[in-house]
Amino acid sequence: MRNRLKVAAAVTNARAFLRVQDEFGSFDAYVWRFVGGRPKVNHWRTLRQVPARTSESDALSRDLRTRGFTFVGSTIVYAFMQAVGMVNDHVVTCPRWKALT
């Protein structure tokens, strides 16, 4: 990385991550609270319908910032939620959508 702020953020976020682990037992237990402990299954028909952020990602982003995390905007957080399976944003015609529901 060339951006010093992002390098510093990695260290800051690692420390905040450890604090969250101490408080909730695991980072996993903490983040899943924002979707009720189960993957949120959406029923998008086209890729254009898939949002860049949601109320859940807004809430998680806000909470992460209050806990000292940086570079955790709602769009980045929503991408994280999609990547780890908290949200099923496959379109309904995708074979993965059915496999994940």
C-alpha atoms as a PDB file:
ATOM      1  CA  MET A   1       0.000   0.000   0.000  1.00  0.00           C
ATOM      2  CA  ARG A   2       1.179   3.462  -0.791  1.00  0.00           C
ATOM      3  CA  ASN A   3      -1.362   5.318   1.306  1.00  0.00           C
ATOM      4  CA  ARG A   4       0.034   5.842   4.807  1.00  0.00           C
ATOM      5  CA  LEU A   5      -3.457   6.376   6.193  1.00  0.00           C
ATOM      6  CA  LYS A   6      -4.512   2.916   5.018  1.00  0.00           C
ATOM      7  CA  VAL A   7      -1.420   1.333   6.563  1.00  0.00           C
ATOM      8  CA  ALA A   8      -2.145   3.093   9.864  1.00  0.00           C
ATOM      9  CA  ALA A   9      -5.799   2.027   9.554  1.00  0.00           C
ATOM     10  CA  ALA A  10      -4.760  -1.631   9.278  1.00  0.00           C
ATOM     11  CA  VAL A  11      -2.985  -1.372  12.638  1.00  0.00           C
ATOM     12  CA  THR A  12      -5.820   0.614  14.211  1.00  0.00           C
ATOM     13  CA  ASN A  13      -8.425  -1.844  12.909  1.00  0.00           C
ATOM     14  CA  ALA A  14      -6.440  -4.831  14.163  1.00  0.00           C
ATOM     15  CA  ARG A  15      -6.471  -3.367  17.668  1.00  0.00           C
ATOM     16  CA  ALA A  16     -10.189  -2.582  17.432  1.00  0.00           C
ATOM     17  CA  PHE A  17     -10.817  -6.125  16.146  1.00  0.00           C
ATOM     18  CA  LEU A  18      -9.149  -7.580  19.243  1.00  0.00           C
ATOM     19  CA  ARG A  19     -11.287  -5.380  21.499  1.00  0.00           C
ATOM     20  CA  VAL A  20     -14.448  -6.589  19.726  1.00  0.00           C
ATOM     21  CA  GLN A  21     -13.301 -10.196  20.155  1.00  0.00           C
ATOM     22  CA  ASP A  22     -12.788  -9.619  23.866  1.00  0.00           C
ATOM     23  CA  GLU A  23     -16.212  -8.016  24.269  1.00  0.00           C
ATOM     24  CA  PHE A  24     -18.296 -10.432  22.153  1.00  0.00           C
ATOM     25  CA  GLY A  25     -16.243 -13.624  22.264  1.00  0.00           C
ATOM     26  CA  SER A  26     -15.581 -13.456  18.512  1.00  0.00           C
ATOM     27  CA  PHE A  27     -15.799 -10.972  15.678  1.00  0.00           C
ATOM     28  CA  ASP A  28     -18.203 -13.413  14.039  1.00  0.00           C
ATOM     29  CA  ALA A  29     -20.658 -13.189  16.945  1.00  0.00           C
ATOM     30  CA  TYR A  30     -20.471  -9.397  16.775  1.00  0.00           C
ATOM     31  CA  VAL A  31     -21.140  -8.920  13.035  1.00  0.00           C
ATOM     32  CA  TRP A  32     -23.908 -11.509  12.720  1.00  0.00           C
ATOM     33  CA  ARG A  33     -26.015  -9.524  15.206  1.00  0.00           C
ATOM     34  CA  PHE A  34     -26.610  -6.985  12.436  1.00  0.00           C
ATOM     35  CA  VAL A  35     -28.526  -9.510  10.299  1.00  0.00           C
ATOM     36  CA  GLY A  36     -30.257 -11.363  13.112  1.00  0.00           C
ATOM     37  CA  GLY A  37     -27.811 -14.256  13.140  1.00  0.00           C
ATOM     38  CA  ARG A  38     -28.905 -15.627   9.752  1.00  0.00           C
ATOM     39  CA  PRO A  39     -27.988 -14.735   6.172  1.00  0.00           C
ATOM     40  CA  LYS A  40     -30.288 -12.162   4.645  1.00  0.00           C
ATOM     41  CA  VAL A  41     -31.663 -13.631   1.397  1.00  0.00           C
ATOM     42  CA  ASN A  42     -32.597 -11.065  -1.212  1.00  0.00           C
ATOM     43  CA  HIS A  43     -34.681 -11.753  -4.301  1.00  0.00           C
ATOM     44  CA  TRP A  44     -33.105  -9.549  -6.954  1.00  0.00           C
ATOM     45  CA  ARG A  45     -34.146 -10.136 -10.559  1.00  0.00           C
ATOM     46  CA  THR A  46     -31.372  -8.023 -12.139  1.00  0.00           C
ATOM     47  CA  LEU A  47     -27.911  -6.894 -11.074  1.00  0.00           C
ATOM     48  CA  ARG A  48     -29.107  -3.298 -11.259  1.00  0.00           C
ATOM     49  CA  GLN A  49     -31.352  -3.981  -8.267  1.00  0.00           C
ATOM     50  CA  VAL A  50     -28.448  -4.983  -6.012  1.00  0.00           C
ATOM     51  CA  PRO A  51     -27.739  -2.035  -3.705  1.00  0.00           C
ATOM     52  CA  ALA A  52     -24.314  -0.678  -2.818  1.00  0.00           C
ATOM     53  CA  ARG A  53     -25.374  -0.342   0.826  1.00  0.00           C
ATOM     54  CA  THR A  54     -28.306  -1.129   3.099  1.00  0.00           C
ATOM     55  CA  SER A  55     -29.649  -0.053   6.460  1.00  0.00           C
ATOM     56  CA  GLU A  56     -27.830  -3.040   7.990  1.00  0.00           C
ATOM     57  CA  SER A  57     -24.498  -2.050   6.456  1.00  0.00           C
ATOM     58  CA  ASP A  58     -25.117   1.555   7.550  1.00  0.00           C
ATOM     59  CA  ALA A  59     -25.686   0.365  11.132  1.00  0.00           C
ATOM     60  CA  LEU A  60     -22.652  -1.934  11.155  1.00  0.00           C
ATOM     61  CA  SER A  61     -20.469   0.779   9.623  1.00  0.00           C
ATOM     62  CA  ARG A  62     -21.594   3.293  12.254  1.00  0.00           C
ATOM     63  CA  ASP A  63     -21.000   0.834  15.082  1.00  0.00           C
ATOM     64  CA  LEU A  64     -17.554  -0.124  13.768  1.00  0.00           C
ATOM     65  CA  ARG A  65     -16.560   3.550  13.687  1.00  0.00           C
ATOM     66  CA  THR A  66     -17.722   4.063  17.279  1.00  0.00           C
ATOM     67  CA  ARG A  67     -15.474   1.128  18.225  1.00  0.00           C
ATOM     68  CA  GLY A  68     -12.440   2.775  16.641  1.00  0.00           C
ATOM     69  CA  PHE A  69     -12.368   1.196  13.178  1.00  0.00           C
ATOM     70  CA  THR A  70     -11.443   3.364  10.198  1.00  0.00           C
ATOM     71  CA  PHE A  71     -12.022   3.002   6.434  1.00  0.00           C
ATOM     72  CA  VAL A  72     -15.270   1.157   7.151  1.00  0.00           C
ATOM     73  CA  GLY A  73     -17.843   3.063   5.138  1.00  0.00           C
ATOM     74  CA  SER A  74     -21.225   1.514   4.462  1.00  0.00           C
ATOM     75  CA  THR A  75     -20.363   0.442   0.898  1.00  0.00           C
ATOM     76  CA  ILE A  76     -17.166  -1.324   2.020  1.00  0.00           C
ATOM     77  CA  VAL A  77     -19.042  -2.957   4.886  1.00  0.00           C
ATOM     78  CA  TYR A  78     -21.794  -4.156   2.530  1.00  0.00           C
ATOM     79  CA  ALA A  79     -19.184  -5.726   0.243  1.00  0.00           C
ATOM     80  CA  PHE A  80     -17.771  -7.489   3.329  1.00  0.00           C
ATOM     81  CA  MET A  81     -21.257  -8.712   4.258  1.00  0.00           C
ATOM     82  CA  GLN A  82     -21.711 -10.134   0.759  1.00  0.00           C
ATOM     83  CA  ALA A  83     -18.259 -11.749   0.755  1.00  0.00           C
ATOM     84  CA  VAL A  84     -18.689 -13.550   4.076  1.00  0.00           C
ATOM     85  CA  GLY A  85     -22.220 -14.765   3.331  1.00  0.00           C
ATOM     86  CA  MET A  86     -24.199 -12.490   5.622  1.00  0.00           C
ATOM     87  CA  VAL A  87     -26.176 -11.405   2.555  1.00  0.00           C
ATOM     88  CA  ASN A  88     -27.219 -13.497  -0.462  1.00  0.00           C
ATOM     89  CA  ASP A  89     -27.246 -10.976  -3.290  1.00  0.00           C
ATOM     90  CA  HIS A  90     -27.148 -13.446  -6.169  1.00  0.00           C
ATOM     91  CA  VAL A  91     -29.924 -12.784  -8.656  1.00  0.00           C
ATOM     92  CA  VAL A  92     -32.716 -15.361  -8.466  1.00  0.00           C
ATOM     93  CA  THR A  93     -31.787 -16.784 -11.883  1.00  0.00           C
ATOM     94  CA  CYS A  94     -28.256 -17.599 -10.686  1.00  0.00           C
ATOM     95  CA  PRO A  95     -27.755 -21.256  -9.690  1.00  0.00           C
ATOM     96  CA  ARG A  96     -25.863 -20.087  -6.562  1.00  0.00           C
ATOM     97  CA  TRP A  97     -28.912 -18.170  -5.308  1.00  0.00           C
ATOM     98  CA  LYS A  98     -30.940 -21.359  -4.922  1.00  0.00           C
ATOM     99  CA  ALA A  99     -27.975 -23.311  -3.519  1.00  0.00           C
ATOM    100  CA  LEU A 100     -27.481 -20.675  -0.809  1.00  0.00           C
ATOM    101  CA  THR A 101     -31.121 -20.305   0.231  1.00  0.00           C
END
